[in-house]
Protein backbone atom coordinates (compact mmCIF):
# COMPACT_ATOMS: atom_id res chain seq x y z
CA GLU A 1 0.00 0.00 0.00
CA ARG A 2 2.76 2.45 0.93
CA ASN A 3 4.84 1.29 -2.01
CA VAL A 4 1.96 1.97 -4.40
CA ALA A 5 1.45 5.42 -2.91
CA ALA A 6 5.17 6.17 -3.22
CA GLN A 7 5.15 5.08 -6.86
CA MET A 8 2.14 7.29 -7.58
CA ILE A 9 3.84 10.27 -5.97
CA LEU A 10 7.03 9.69 -7.97
CA GLU A 11 5.00 9.36 -11.17
CA GLU A 12 3.27 12.66 -10.42
CA VAL A 13 6.60 14.39 -9.74
CA GLY A 14 7.92 13.00 -13.02
CA LYS A 15 4.86 14.25 -14.88
CA ARG A 16 4.99 17.72 -13.34
CA GLU A 17 8.70 18.02 -14.08
CA GLY A 18 8.21 16.83 -17.67
CA MET A 19 10.55 13.89 -17.20
CA THR A 20 10.91 11.33 -19.95
CA ALA A 21 12.95 8.20 -20.56
CA SER A 22 15.20 8.64 -23.58
CA ASP A 23 15.92 5.85 -26.04
CA GLU A 24 19.48 5.79 -24.70
CA GLU A 25 18.29 5.40 -21.10
CA ILE A 26 15.91 2.62 -22.10
CA ALA A 27 18.67 0.83 -24.03
CA HIS A 28 21.00 1.14 -21.03
CA GLU A 29 18.33 -0.21 -18.68
CA LEU A 30 17.59 -3.08 -21.08
CA ALA A 31 21.29 -3.94 -21.25
CA GLU A 32 21.58 -3.98 -17.44
CA HIS A 33 18.50 -6.16 -17.00
CA ALA A 34 19.58 -8.50 -19.80
CA ASN A 35 23.04 -8.85 -18.28
CA ALA A 36 21.56 -9.66 -14.86
CA LEU A 37 19.30 -12.28 -16.45
CA GLY A 38 21.99 -13.70 -18.75
CA LYS A 39 20.01 -12.75 -21.86
CA ASN A 40 20.66 -10.83 -25.03
CA PRO A 41 19.29 -7.24 -24.79
CA ASP A 42 17.43 -7.63 -28.11
CA GLU A 43 15.83 -10.85 -26.86
CA LEU A 44 14.74 -9.17 -23.64
CA GLN A 45 13.39 -6.18 -25.55
CA SER A 46 11.32 -8.49 -27.75
CA GLN A 47 9.93 -10.23 -24.68
CA LEU A 48 9.05 -6.94 -23.01
CA GLU A 49 7.45 -5.57 -26.17
CA SER A 50 5.38 -8.70 -26.75
CA GLY A 51 4.22 -8.58 -23.13
CA GLY A 52 3.43 -4.87 -23.30
CA ARG A 53 6.04 -4.10 -20.61
CA MET A 54 8.24 -1.53 -22.37
CA GLY A 55 6.10 1.26 -20.93
CA ALA A 56 6.72 -0.11 -17.46
CA LEU A 57 10.46 0.01 -18.08
CA ALA A 58 10.22 3.67 -19.12
CA ALA A 59 8.04 4.40 -16.08
CA ASP A 60 10.67 2.83 -13.81
CA ILE A 61 13.30 5.15 -15.27
CA ILE A 62 11.08 8.20 -14.76
CA ARG A 63 10.30 7.22 -11.16
CA ARG A 64 14.02 6.82 -10.48
CA LYS A 65 14.70 10.27 -11.95
CA ALA A 66 11.94 11.75 -9.79
CA LEU A 67 13.38 10.10 -6.69
CA ASP A 68 16.86 11.40 -7.58
CA LEU A 69 15.39 14.91 -7.94
CA ILE A 70 13.69 14.71 -4.55
CA VAL A 71 16.73 13.29 -2.79
CA GLY A 72 18.95 15.90 -4.43
CA ASN A 73 16.77 18.69 -3.05
CA VAL A 74 16.62 17.43 0.52
CA ASP A 75 18.44 19.65 2.98
CA VAL A 76 19.32 17.57 6.02
CA LYS A 77 20.26 19.54 9.09
CA ASP A 78 21.71 18.04 12.21
CA GLU A 79 20.02 20.04 14.92
CA ALA A 80 20.92 19.50 18.53
CA LYS A 81 17.96 18.47 20.66
CA PRO A 82 17.32 20.56 23.76
CA ALA A 83 18.55 18.95 26.97
């Protein structure tokens, strides 16, 4: 439930910021996944396309970019607590 909410928030941040997944980013992600699975990237791409999952791969990239944006804008301060 929390994971779904977090994904929805990241998707909204990505949308508002106009984030996209470039062909190069998708190819890089495909190569990483294929390597981890011991498959050829073209073979994995065909499997994802036939299963209608390429959009999910792009969405994963956009969510990661949104998370990176949020984390990059966090200002953590170490404030001493009153005694």
